Amino acid sequence: MADAAVFDTRFLVALFYSPRPDVARRLKREYVRARHRLVSVVTLHEFYRLTLENKGRDVARLRNQAILRDFTPVDVDVDLAVRGAELRHGHGFSLADSIIAAIAIREGCPIVSDDPHFGEIEGLKTRWIS
């Protein structure tokens, strides 16, 4: 997808939690740059859990609704499970990061993150938010 991007959990954390205006400006540029904003259901799980722990159920639900309004969730299917396992085995990524990388590879689009280990995967495009 030419104008798509996969957004990492760290993007959502920075979007909702960073107090720094310069970070907010960079995040907004990346958000606007991608017409098709993809987010793994595993990312949704991670972010919901984090918000639930830090802000409570009401805030977690509101933020989840906001994300689902602006991002397209990508379910983990058999293809992504296998691709993700291969990446996890080869690079030692977490489950979430291996699925995020597998989505980006399958969709032919970059990952928006400030996590440098995505750069370990040859041919995987990344755009950094920090």
N, C-alpha and C. Protein backbone atom coordinates (compact mmCIF):
# COMPACT_ATOMS: atom_id res chain seq x y z
N MET A 1 0.84 -1.17 0.00
CA MET A 1 0.00 0.00 0.00
C MET A 1 0.89 1.24 0.00
N ALA A 2 0.76 2.04 -1.00
CA ALA A 2 1.69 3.15 -1.21
C ALA A 2 1.64 4.22 -0.12
N ASP A 3 0.48 4.59 0.33
CA ASP A 3 0.39 5.66 1.33
C ASP A 3 -0.09 5.14 2.68
N ALA A 4 0.37 3.95 3.01
CA ALA A 4 0.01 3.32 4.28
C ALA A 4 1.22 3.26 5.20
N ALA A 5 0.95 3.06 6.47
CA ALA A 5 2.00 2.84 7.47
C ALA A 5 1.41 2.02 8.61
N VAL A 6 2.27 1.23 9.25
CA VAL A 6 1.90 0.49 10.44
C VAL A 6 2.42 1.26 11.64
N PHE A 7 1.56 1.52 12.58
CA PHE A 7 1.92 2.31 13.75
C PHE A 7 2.18 1.39 14.93
N ASP A 8 3.34 1.55 15.52
CA ASP A 8 3.81 0.75 16.64
C ASP A 8 3.14 1.23 17.94
N THR A 9 3.17 0.37 18.93
CA THR A 9 2.64 0.70 20.26
C THR A 9 3.31 1.96 20.81
N ARG A 10 4.60 2.08 20.56
CA ARG A 10 5.34 3.23 21.08
C ARG A 10 4.83 4.54 20.48
N PHE A 11 4.32 4.51 19.25
CA PHE A 11 3.71 5.70 18.66
C PHE A 11 2.48 6.10 19.49
N LEU A 12 1.62 5.13 19.77
CA LEU A 12 0.41 5.44 20.53
C LEU A 12 0.73 5.93 21.93
N VAL A 13 1.72 5.34 22.56
CA VAL A 13 2.13 5.78 23.89
C VAL A 13 2.59 7.24 23.83
N ALA A 14 3.42 7.56 22.88
CA ALA A 14 3.91 8.94 22.75
C ALA A 14 2.75 9.88 22.41
N LEU A 15 1.85 9.44 21.55
CA LEU A 15 0.72 10.27 21.13
C LEU A 15 -0.15 10.66 22.33
N PHE A 16 -0.44 9.70 23.19
CA PHE A 16 -1.35 9.95 24.30
C PHE A 16 -0.67 10.37 25.60
N TYR A 17 0.62 10.10 25.74
CA TYR A 17 1.26 10.35 27.02
C TYR A 17 2.37 11.40 27.01
N SER A 18 2.92 11.74 25.85
CA SER A 18 4.05 12.67 25.85
C SER A 18 3.60 14.09 26.15
N PRO A 19 4.27 14.76 27.11
CA PRO A 19 3.94 16.15 27.42
C PRO A 19 4.69 17.15 26.53
N ARG A 20 5.55 16.64 25.64
CA ARG A 20 6.42 17.52 24.86
C ARG A 20 5.75 17.96 23.55
N PRO A 21 5.61 19.27 23.33
CA PRO A 21 4.98 19.78 22.11
C PRO A 21 5.75 19.41 20.83
N ASP A 22 7.09 19.34 20.90
CA ASP A 22 7.86 18.98 19.71
C ASP A 22 7.57 17.53 19.29
N VAL A 23 7.38 16.65 20.25
CA VAL A 23 7.02 15.27 19.94
C VAL A 23 5.63 15.23 19.32
N ALA A 24 4.70 15.98 19.88
CA ALA A 24 3.34 16.03 19.35
C ALA A 24 3.33 16.49 17.89
N ARG A 25 4.16 17.48 17.56
CA ARG A 25 4.22 17.96 16.17
C ARG A 25 4.73 16.87 15.24
N ARG A 26 5.79 16.15 15.64
CA ARG A 26 6.32 15.07 14.80
C ARG A 26 5.31 13.94 14.64
N LEU A 27 4.62 13.62 15.71
CA LEU A 27 3.61 12.57 15.64
C LEU A 27 2.50 12.96 14.68
N LYS A 28 2.07 14.19 14.76
CA LYS A 28 0.99 14.65 13.87
C LYS A 28 1.43 14.58 12.41
N ARG A 29 2.68 14.94 12.12
CA ARG A 29 3.17 14.85 10.73
C ARG A 29 3.12 13.41 10.23
N GLU A 30 3.56 12.48 11.06
CA GLU A 30 3.54 11.07 10.65
C GLU A 30 2.12 10.55 10.50
N TYR A 31 1.25 10.99 11.37
CA TYR A 31 -0.15 10.59 11.32
C TYR A 31 -0.79 11.06 10.01
N VAL A 32 -0.58 12.33 9.67
CA VAL A 32 -1.17 12.91 8.47
C VAL A 32 -0.55 12.32 7.20
N ARG A 33 0.72 12.02 7.27
CA ARG A 33 1.45 11.49 6.11
C ARG A 33 0.86 10.18 5.59
N ALA A 34 0.33 9.36 6.47
CA ALA A 34 -0.23 8.07 6.08
C ALA A 34 -1.75 8.17 5.97
N ARG A 35 -2.23 7.99 4.78
CA ARG A 35 -3.70 8.00 4.60
C ARG A 35 -4.31 6.72 5.15
N HIS A 36 -3.59 5.62 5.04
CA HIS A 36 -4.06 4.33 5.55
C HIS A 36 -3.21 3.98 6.77
N ARG A 37 -3.78 4.20 7.94
CA ARG A 37 -3.07 3.97 9.20
C ARG A 37 -3.46 2.60 9.73
N LEU A 38 -2.48 1.70 9.76
CA LEU A 38 -2.72 0.34 10.21
C LEU A 38 -2.18 0.15 11.61
N VAL A 39 -2.88 -0.64 12.41
CA VAL A 39 -2.44 -0.95 13.75
C VAL A 39 -2.79 -2.41 14.04
N SER A 40 -1.84 -3.14 14.55
CA SER A 40 -2.05 -4.54 14.89
C SER A 40 -3.02 -4.66 16.07
N VAL A 41 -3.82 -5.71 16.06
CA VAL A 41 -4.69 -5.95 17.22
C VAL A 41 -3.85 -6.22 18.47
N VAL A 42 -2.64 -6.69 18.28
CA VAL A 42 -1.74 -6.90 19.42
C VAL A 42 -1.32 -5.54 20.00
N THR A 43 -1.09 -4.57 19.14
CA THR A 43 -0.80 -3.21 19.59
C THR A 43 -1.99 -2.65 20.36
N LEU A 44 -3.19 -2.87 19.85
CA LEU A 44 -4.38 -2.42 20.56
C LEU A 44 -4.45 -3.03 21.96
N HIS A 45 -4.14 -4.30 22.04
CA HIS A 45 -4.12 -4.99 23.34
C HIS A 45 -3.10 -4.35 24.28
N GLU A 46 -1.88 -4.16 23.78
CA GLU A 46 -0.82 -3.58 24.62
C GLU A 46 -1.20 -2.19 25.12
N PHE A 47 -1.71 -1.37 24.21
CA PHE A 47 -2.03 0.01 24.59
C PHE A 47 -3.24 0.06 25.53
N TYR A 48 -4.23 -0.76 25.28
CA TYR A 48 -5.40 -0.80 26.16
C TYR A 48 -4.99 -1.22 27.57
N ARG A 49 -4.16 -2.26 27.66
CA ARG A 49 -3.69 -2.74 28.96
C ARG A 49 -2.91 -1.65 29.69
N LEU A 50 -2.00 -0.98 29.00
CA LEU A 50 -1.21 0.10 29.59
C LEU A 50 -2.12 1.21 30.11
N THR A 51 -3.09 1.61 29.31
CA THR A 51 -4.00 2.68 29.71
C THR A 51 -4.90 2.24 30.86
N LEU A 52 -5.35 1.00 30.80
CA LEU A 52 -6.17 0.45 31.88
C LEU A 52 -5.42 0.52 33.22
N GLU A 53 -4.14 0.15 33.19
CA GLU A 53 -3.32 0.16 34.41
C GLU A 53 -3.04 1.58 34.91
N ASN A 54 -2.85 2.53 33.98
CA ASN A 54 -2.44 3.87 34.37
C ASN A 54 -3.58 4.88 34.51
N LYS A 55 -4.64 4.69 33.76
CA LYS A 55 -5.71 5.70 33.73
C LYS A 55 -7.09 5.15 34.06
N GLY A 56 -7.24 3.84 34.07
CA GLY A 56 -8.53 3.24 34.39
C GLY A 56 -9.33 2.84 33.16
N ARG A 57 -10.40 2.10 33.41
CA ARG A 57 -11.21 1.51 32.34
C ARG A 57 -11.90 2.55 31.46
N ASP A 58 -12.45 3.61 32.04
CA ASP A 58 -13.16 4.61 31.24
C ASP A 58 -12.22 5.28 30.23
N VAL A 59 -11.05 5.68 30.68
CA VAL A 59 -10.09 6.31 29.78
C VAL A 59 -9.60 5.31 28.74
N ALA A 60 -9.35 4.07 29.15
CA ALA A 60 -8.91 3.04 28.20
C ALA A 60 -9.95 2.85 27.10
N ARG A 61 -11.19 2.80 27.46
CA ARG A 61 -12.26 2.63 26.45
C ARG A 61 -12.34 3.83 25.52
N LEU A 62 -12.27 5.03 26.07
CA LEU A 62 -12.31 6.23 25.23
C LEU A 62 -11.14 6.28 24.25
N ARG A 63 -9.96 5.98 24.74
CA ARG A 63 -8.78 6.01 23.87
C ARG A 63 -8.87 4.91 22.81
N ASN A 64 -9.36 3.76 23.18
CA ASN A 64 -9.53 2.68 22.21
C ASN A 64 -10.50 3.09 21.11
N GLN A 65 -11.60 3.74 21.47
CA GLN A 65 -12.56 4.22 20.48
C GLN A 65 -11.92 5.25 19.55
N ALA A 66 -11.10 6.13 20.10
CA ALA A 66 -10.42 7.14 19.29
C ALA A 66 -9.47 6.48 18.29
N ILE A 67 -8.73 5.49 18.76
CA ILE A 67 -7.80 4.78 17.87
C ILE A 67 -8.56 4.07 16.76
N LEU A 68 -9.65 3.40 17.11
CA LEU A 68 -10.41 2.66 16.10
C LEU A 68 -11.09 3.58 15.09
N ARG A 69 -11.32 4.83 15.46
CA ARG A 69 -11.87 5.81 14.51
C ARG A 69 -10.85 6.18 13.44
N ASP A 70 -9.57 6.22 13.81
CA ASP A 70 -8.54 6.76 12.92
C ASP A 70 -7.56 5.74 12.37
N PHE A 71 -7.59 4.52 12.88
CA PHE A 71 -6.66 3.48 12.45
C PHE A 71 -7.45 2.23 12.05
N THR A 72 -6.90 1.50 11.10
CA THR A 72 -7.51 0.24 10.68
C THR A 72 -6.82 -0.89 11.43
N PRO A 73 -7.57 -1.63 12.24
CA PRO A 73 -6.95 -2.75 12.96
C PRO A 73 -6.66 -3.92 12.01
N VAL A 74 -5.53 -4.56 12.22
CA VAL A 74 -5.14 -5.71 11.41
C VAL A 74 -5.15 -6.93 12.34
N ASP A 75 -6.03 -7.89 12.02
CA ASP A 75 -6.10 -9.13 12.79
C ASP A 75 -4.91 -10.01 12.49
N VAL A 76 -4.55 -10.83 13.44
CA VAL A 76 -3.47 -11.79 13.24
C VAL A 76 -4.08 -13.03 12.60
N ASP A 77 -3.68 -13.29 11.37
CA ASP A 77 -4.13 -14.50 10.68
C ASP A 77 -2.96 -15.49 10.62
N VAL A 78 -3.18 -16.60 9.96
CA VAL A 78 -2.15 -17.64 9.90
C VAL A 78 -0.88 -17.11 9.24
N ASP A 79 -1.02 -16.38 8.15
CA ASP A 79 0.14 -15.83 7.44
C ASP A 79 0.97 -14.93 8.36
N LEU A 80 0.31 -14.02 9.06
CA LEU A 80 1.04 -13.12 9.97
C LEU A 80 1.64 -13.87 11.14
N ALA A 81 0.95 -14.88 11.63
CA ALA A 81 1.49 -15.68 12.74
C ALA A 81 2.79 -16.36 12.33
N VAL A 82 2.81 -16.93 11.12
CA VAL A 82 4.01 -17.63 10.65
C VAL A 82 5.13 -16.63 10.35
N ARG A 83 4.81 -15.55 9.63
CA ARG A 83 5.83 -14.53 9.34
C ARG A 83 6.39 -13.95 10.63
N GLY A 84 5.51 -13.66 11.58
CA GLY A 84 5.94 -13.10 12.85
C GLY A 84 6.84 -14.06 13.62
N ALA A 85 6.49 -15.35 13.60
CA ALA A 85 7.33 -16.35 14.28
C ALA A 85 8.71 -16.42 13.66
N GLU A 86 8.78 -16.35 12.33
CA GLU A 86 10.08 -16.36 11.64
C GLU A 86 10.91 -15.15 12.07
N LEU A 87 10.29 -13.99 12.14
CA LEU A 87 11.01 -12.78 12.55
C LEU A 87 11.42 -12.86 14.02
N ARG A 88 10.55 -13.38 14.83
CA ARG A 88 10.85 -13.50 16.25
C ARG A 88 12.03 -14.46 16.46
N HIS A 89 12.02 -15.55 15.73
CA HIS A 89 13.10 -16.53 15.82
C HIS A 89 14.43 -15.92 15.34
N GLY A 90 14.37 -15.21 14.23
CA GLY A 90 15.59 -14.67 13.64
C GLY A 90 16.15 -13.45 14.33
N HIS A 91 15.30 -12.70 15.02
CA HIS A 91 15.75 -11.43 15.60
C HIS A 91 15.51 -11.30 17.09
N GLY A 92 14.80 -12.25 17.68
CA GLY A 92 14.54 -12.18 19.11
C GLY A 92 13.56 -11.10 19.51
N PHE A 93 12.69 -10.69 18.58
CA PHE A 93 11.69 -9.67 18.88
C PHE A 93 10.64 -10.20 19.84
N SER A 94 9.92 -9.29 20.44
CA SER A 94 8.74 -9.67 21.23
C SER A 94 7.65 -10.13 20.27
N LEU A 95 6.64 -10.77 20.80
CA LEU A 95 5.50 -11.19 19.99
C LEU A 95 4.90 -9.98 19.26
N ALA A 96 4.64 -8.91 20.01
CA ALA A 96 4.01 -7.73 19.41
C ALA A 96 4.85 -7.15 18.28
N ASP A 97 6.14 -6.97 18.52
CA ASP A 97 7.00 -6.36 17.49
C ASP A 97 7.15 -7.28 16.28
N SER A 98 7.17 -8.58 16.49
CA SER A 98 7.28 -9.49 15.35
C SER A 98 6.03 -9.44 14.49
N ILE A 99 4.86 -9.29 15.10
CA ILE A 99 3.60 -9.17 14.34
C ILE A 99 3.55 -7.83 13.61
N ILE A 100 3.96 -6.75 14.28
CA ILE A 100 3.99 -5.42 13.65
C ILE A 100 4.89 -5.44 12.42
N ALA A 101 6.07 -6.02 12.56
CA ALA A 101 7.01 -6.10 11.43
C ALA A 101 6.43 -6.97 10.31
N ALA A 102 5.79 -8.06 10.66
CA ALA A 102 5.19 -8.94 9.64
C ALA A 102 4.10 -8.21 8.86
N ILE A 103 3.31 -7.40 9.54
CA ILE A 103 2.28 -6.61 8.85
C ILE A 103 2.93 -5.65 7.87
N ALA A 104 3.94 -4.93 8.31
CA ALA A 104 4.61 -3.96 7.44
C ALA A 104 5.21 -4.63 6.22
N ILE A 105 5.81 -5.79 6.41
CA ILE A 105 6.40 -6.52 5.27
C ILE A 105 5.31 -6.96 4.32
N ARG A 106 4.25 -7.55 4.85
CA ARG A 106 3.16 -8.03 3.98
C ARG A 106 2.49 -6.89 3.22
N GLU A 107 2.28 -5.77 3.90
CA GLU A 107 1.59 -4.64 3.27
C GLU A 107 2.52 -3.76 2.43
N GLY A 108 3.83 -4.00 2.56
CA GLY A 108 4.79 -3.20 1.80
C GLY A 108 4.82 -1.74 2.23
N CYS A 109 4.71 -1.52 3.53
CA CYS A 109 4.70 -0.15 4.03
C CYS A 109 5.62 -0.02 5.24
N PRO A 110 5.96 1.20 5.61
CA PRO A 110 6.87 1.40 6.75
C PRO A 110 6.17 1.24 8.09
N ILE A 111 7.00 1.10 9.12
CA ILE A 111 6.55 1.13 10.50
C ILE A 111 6.87 2.51 11.05
N VAL A 112 5.94 3.11 11.75
CA VAL A 112 6.18 4.38 12.42
C VAL A 112 6.45 4.06 13.88
N SER A 113 7.70 4.28 14.30
CA SER A 113 8.13 3.93 15.65
C SER A 113 9.43 4.63 15.96
N ASP A 114 9.76 4.68 17.24
CA ASP A 114 11.09 5.16 17.63
C ASP A 114 11.91 4.00 18.17
N ASP A 115 11.49 2.78 17.87
CA ASP A 115 12.19 1.58 18.34
C ASP A 115 13.24 1.17 17.31
N PRO A 116 14.53 1.30 17.64
CA PRO A 116 15.58 1.07 16.66
C PRO A 116 15.73 -0.38 16.20
N HIS A 117 15.23 -1.35 16.94
CA HIS A 117 15.48 -2.74 16.52
C HIS A 117 14.74 -3.12 15.23
N PHE A 118 13.73 -2.35 14.82
CA PHE A 118 13.08 -2.63 13.55
C PHE A 118 14.07 -2.47 12.39
N GLY A 119 15.10 -1.67 12.59
CA GLY A 119 16.13 -1.48 11.58
C GLY A 119 16.98 -2.72 11.32
N GLU A 120 16.86 -3.73 12.17
CA GLU A 120 17.61 -4.98 11.98
C GLU A 120 17.08 -5.81 10.81
N ILE A 121 15.87 -5.57 10.38
CA ILE A 121 15.25 -6.38 9.34
C ILE A 121 15.55 -5.76 7.98
N GLU A 122 16.31 -6.48 7.20
CA GLU A 122 16.70 -5.99 5.89
C GLU A 122 15.47 -5.73 5.03
N GLY A 123 15.43 -4.55 4.44
CA GLY A 123 14.35 -4.19 3.55
C GLY A 123 13.12 -3.61 4.23
N LEU A 124 13.06 -3.69 5.55
CA LEU A 124 11.91 -3.13 6.28
C LEU A 124 12.10 -1.62 6.40
N LYS A 125 11.13 -0.89 5.97
CA LYS A 125 11.21 0.57 6.04
C LYS A 125 10.65 1.03 7.38
N THR A 126 11.30 2.05 7.93
CA THR A 126 10.83 2.64 9.17
C THR A 126 10.83 4.15 9.03
N ARG A 127 9.97 4.77 9.79
CA ARG A 127 9.99 6.24 9.94
C ARG A 127 10.01 6.48 11.43
N TRP A 128 10.93 7.31 11.85
CA TRP A 128 11.16 7.52 13.28
C TRP A 128 10.41 8.73 13.78
N ILE A 129 9.94 8.61 15.00
CA ILE A 129 9.19 9.73 15.61
C ILE A 129 10.02 10.49 16.62
N SER A 130 11.24 10.06 16.86
CA SER A 130 12.06 10.82 17.82
C SER A 130 13.38 11.19 17.21
